Amino acid sequence: MSRLYLIRHGKPASVWGDADDDPGLDDQGSSQARGARDALQALPPALRPQLVVSSPLRRCRETAQPLADALGVDVEIEPLVGEIPTPKGMLATDRSAWLRRAFLGAWAEIEGDLDYDAWRRGIAAALVARPNTAVFSHFVAINAVLSCLAGDDRVMSFRPDHASISILETDGRSLTLVTRGREAATGVL
């Protein structure tokens, strides 16, 4: 079995619902990114990630970069581990309310033109083939993977803190949760 690390991005300079739909990290988020790098670099050599994958969004790329620099590798951009897709035609100003409603329900109940239950299973399936990899992603995408592994249909069953590291194992055919990362004491923000 090989390890896979699922890391939530560091604290962004603005939160979802604000004017900037692709913020970078604030100072605390940059510090959290370095902390995630240090935690992964402190692992025994056989358990350290060798590859770095990130959501295309800036806050994830900036969280991933310190580890990529330390490993001497490029950050591979993977849209599958990005934010949950907003329904077609939805205004950006309506996204926050839509997400808040989604958090209260099950994956199959999310309003929109996409099969969100299939979306979450697709993320988990994509990660199976990523041994020895650190994957930098988002609150909802991390919930998607962990809920899939637990057989939990709730959209929000875990509140990963910024730069929280969840550990998974893969044998190339399946994923297993080893441990959830640090949970946030507050909400998504």
Protein backbone atom coordinates (compact mmCIF):
# COMPACT_ATOMS: atom_id res chain seq x y z
CA MET A 1 0.00 0.00 0.00
CA SER A 2 1.16 3.51 -0.83
CA ARG A 3 0.26 6.69 0.97
CA LEU A 4 -1.68 9.56 -0.52
CA TYR A 5 -2.06 12.85 1.31
CA LEU A 6 -5.18 14.97 0.82
CA ILE A 7 -4.50 18.54 1.97
CA ARG A 8 -6.94 21.42 2.19
CA HIS A 9 -5.54 24.74 0.95
CA GLY A 10 -4.27 27.32 3.42
CA LYS A 11 -6.36 30.29 4.56
CA PRO A 12 -7.26 32.41 1.53
CA ALA A 13 -7.05 36.19 1.37
CA SER A 14 -10.84 36.29 0.93
CA VAL A 15 -13.66 33.81 1.48
CA TRP A 16 -16.14 32.34 -0.98
CA GLY A 17 -18.90 34.79 -1.69
CA ASP A 18 -16.50 37.75 -1.77
CA ALA A 19 -15.69 39.61 -4.97
CA ASP A 20 -12.48 37.66 -5.72
CA ASP A 21 -13.47 34.22 -6.99
CA ASP A 22 -9.85 32.98 -7.09
CA PRO A 23 -8.00 34.46 -4.12
CA GLY A 24 -4.48 33.55 -3.16
CA LEU A 25 -3.35 32.93 0.40
CA ASP A 26 -3.17 35.53 3.13
CA ASP A 27 -0.13 35.65 5.46
CA GLN A 28 -1.58 33.00 7.76
CA GLY A 29 -2.36 30.80 4.77
CA SER A 30 1.23 31.11 3.53
CA SER A 31 2.46 30.08 6.96
CA GLN A 32 0.05 27.12 6.92
CA ALA A 33 1.40 26.08 3.51
CA ARG A 34 4.94 26.02 4.91
CA GLY A 35 3.64 24.07 7.92
CA ALA A 36 2.07 21.43 5.64
CA ARG A 37 5.36 21.19 3.75
CA ASP A 38 7.29 20.76 6.98
CA ALA A 39 4.88 18.10 8.30
CA LEU A 40 5.13 16.07 5.09
CA GLN A 41 8.91 16.50 4.89
CA ALA A 42 9.22 15.27 8.50
CA LEU A 43 7.69 11.89 7.63
CA PRO A 44 9.98 8.87 7.38
CA PRO A 45 11.48 8.76 3.86
CA ALA A 46 9.40 5.74 2.81
CA LEU A 47 6.18 7.61 3.63
CA ARG A 48 6.99 11.00 2.11
CA PRO A 49 5.08 12.08 -0.99
CA GLN A 50 7.07 12.14 -4.22
CA LEU A 51 4.56 14.02 -6.39
CA VAL A 52 2.46 17.15 -5.88
CA VAL A 53 -0.99 17.60 -7.42
CA SER A 54 -3.19 20.68 -7.04
CA SER A 55 -6.57 22.07 -7.90
CA PRO A 56 -6.26 24.76 -10.57
CA LEU A 57 -7.35 27.43 -8.10
CA ARG A 58 -4.74 29.84 -6.81
CA ARG A 59 -5.17 29.12 -3.08
CA CYS A 60 -4.39 25.44 -3.68
CA ARG A 61 -1.49 26.11 -6.04
CA GLU A 62 0.05 28.51 -3.50
CA THR A 63 -0.39 25.94 -0.72
CA ALA A 64 1.21 23.22 -2.86
CA GLN A 65 4.21 25.23 -4.06
CA PRO A 66 6.39 25.08 -0.90
CA LEU A 67 6.23 21.27 -0.90
CA ALA A 68 6.87 21.09 -4.65
CA ASP A 69 9.90 23.36 -4.21
CA ALA A 70 11.22 21.19 -1.36
CA LEU A 71 10.79 18.04 -3.45
CA GLY A 72 12.20 19.62 -6.61
CA VAL A 73 9.09 18.76 -8.66
CA ASP A 74 6.50 20.73 -10.58
CA VAL A 75 2.95 21.08 -9.28
CA GLU A 76 0.67 19.01 -11.52
CA ILE A 77 -2.69 20.73 -12.02
CA GLU A 78 -5.69 18.38 -11.79
CA PRO A 79 -9.15 19.95 -12.36
CA LEU A 80 -10.86 16.88 -10.86
CA VAL A 81 -9.72 17.92 -7.36
CA GLY A 82 -11.00 21.47 -7.85
CA GLU A 83 -14.05 23.15 -6.36
CA ILE A 84 -17.49 21.62 -6.72
CA PRO A 85 -18.93 22.76 -10.07
CA THR A 86 -21.63 25.41 -9.86
CA PRO A 87 -24.81 24.67 -11.84
CA LYS A 88 -24.78 26.15 -15.34
CA GLY A 89 -26.26 29.61 -15.49
CA MET A 90 -25.96 30.24 -11.75
CA LEU A 91 -24.73 33.70 -10.89
CA ALA A 92 -21.56 33.87 -8.80
CA THR A 93 -23.53 35.87 -6.21
CA ASP A 94 -25.87 32.88 -5.74
CA ARG A 95 -23.09 30.32 -5.18
CA SER A 96 -22.77 30.88 -1.42
CA ALA A 97 -26.48 30.27 -0.76
CA TRP A 98 -26.43 27.22 -3.06
CA LEU A 99 -23.44 25.74 -1.20
CA ARG A 100 -25.00 26.37 2.19
CA ARG A 101 -28.13 24.46 1.09
CA ALA A 102 -25.99 21.64 -0.32
CA PHE A 103 -24.08 21.30 2.99
CA LEU A 104 -27.33 20.41 4.75
CA GLY A 105 -28.20 17.47 2.51
CA ALA A 106 -26.97 14.42 0.68
CA TRP A 107 -24.85 14.27 -2.47
CA ALA A 108 -27.71 12.98 -4.64
CA GLU A 109 -29.94 15.86 -3.45
CA ILE A 110 -27.73 18.77 -4.56
CA GLU A 111 -29.61 21.12 -6.87
CA GLY A 112 -28.12 21.46 -10.33
CA ASP A 113 -27.56 19.95 -13.73
CA LEU A 114 -24.75 17.63 -12.64
CA ASP A 115 -24.87 14.25 -10.92
CA TYR A 116 -22.95 15.36 -7.83
CA ASP A 117 -22.93 11.84 -6.38
CA ALA A 118 -21.11 10.70 -9.54
CA TRP A 119 -18.82 13.75 -9.29
CA ARG A 120 -17.67 12.73 -5.79
CA ARG A 121 -17.10 9.12 -6.84
CA GLY A 122 -15.06 10.39 -9.80
CA ILE A 123 -12.70 12.30 -7.52
CA ALA A 124 -12.13 9.22 -5.35
CA ALA A 125 -11.57 7.04 -8.43
CA ALA A 126 -9.01 9.52 -9.80
CA LEU A 127 -7.03 9.42 -6.55
CA VAL A 128 -6.66 5.62 -6.57
CA ALA A 129 -3.96 5.94 -9.22
CA ARG A 130 -1.98 8.58 -7.26
CA PRO A 131 0.37 6.71 -4.91
CA ASN A 132 3.02 8.69 -3.03
CA THR A 133 1.26 11.94 -3.88
CA ALA A 134 0.28 15.07 -1.98
CA VAL A 135 -3.02 16.37 -3.37
CA PHE A 136 -3.98 19.96 -2.53
CA SER A 137 -7.72 20.46 -2.74
CA HIS A 138 -10.82 22.07 -1.22
CA PHE A 139 -13.28 21.66 1.65
CA VAL A 140 -16.07 20.16 -0.49
CA ALA A 141 -13.81 17.94 -2.60
CA ILE A 142 -12.18 16.51 0.53
CA ASN A 143 -15.64 15.83 1.95
CA ALA A 144 -16.51 14.16 -1.35
CA VAL A 145 -13.62 11.70 -1.08
CA LEU A 146 -13.93 10.97 2.64
CA SER A 147 -17.70 10.55 2.50
CA CYS A 148 -17.29 8.16 -0.42
CA LEU A 149 -14.77 6.06 1.51
CA ALA A 150 -17.01 6.02 4.60
CA GLY A 151 -20.18 5.24 2.66
CA ASP A 152 -21.67 8.45 4.09
CA ASP A 153 -24.11 10.24 1.78
CA ARG A 154 -23.94 13.57 3.63
CA VAL A 155 -22.28 16.40 1.73
CA MET A 156 -20.60 17.70 4.86
CA SER A 157 -19.44 15.05 7.28
CA PHE A 158 -16.03 16.56 8.00
CA ARG A 159 -14.74 20.12 8.49
CA PRO A 160 -11.11 20.01 7.35
CA ASP A 161 -9.16 22.94 8.73
CA HIS A 162 -6.94 25.04 6.48
CA ALA A 163 -3.81 23.04 5.54
CA SER A 164 -5.29 19.96 7.25
CA ILE A 165 -3.67 16.72 6.03
CA SER A 166 -5.82 13.60 5.67
CA ILE A 167 -3.92 10.38 5.02
CA LEU A 168 -5.16 7.71 2.63
CA GLU A 169 -3.63 4.50 1.34
CA THR A 170 -3.97 3.08 -2.14
CA ASP A 171 -3.06 -0.24 -3.65
CA GLY A 172 -3.83 1.02 -7.16
CA ARG A 173 -7.34 -0.47 -7.06
CA SER A 174 -8.92 1.05 -3.97
CA LEU A 175 -8.51 3.80 -1.38
CA THR A 176 -8.56 3.42 2.38
CA LEU A 177 -8.72 6.19 4.95
CA VAL A 178 -5.85 6.01 7.43
CA THR A 179 -6.65 9.19 9.34
CA ARG A 180 -8.61 12.37 8.88
CA GLY A 181 -6.76 15.64 9.08
CA ARG A 182 -7.23 18.29 11.71
CA GLU A 183 -10.82 19.46 11.90
CA ALA A 184 -11.74 23.15 11.99
CA ALA A 185 -13.40 24.49 15.10
CA THR A 186 -15.40 26.93 12.98
CA GLY A 187 -17.25 26.62 9.66
CA VAL A 188 -15.93 26.60 6.10
CA LEU A 189 -14.66 30.13 6.47
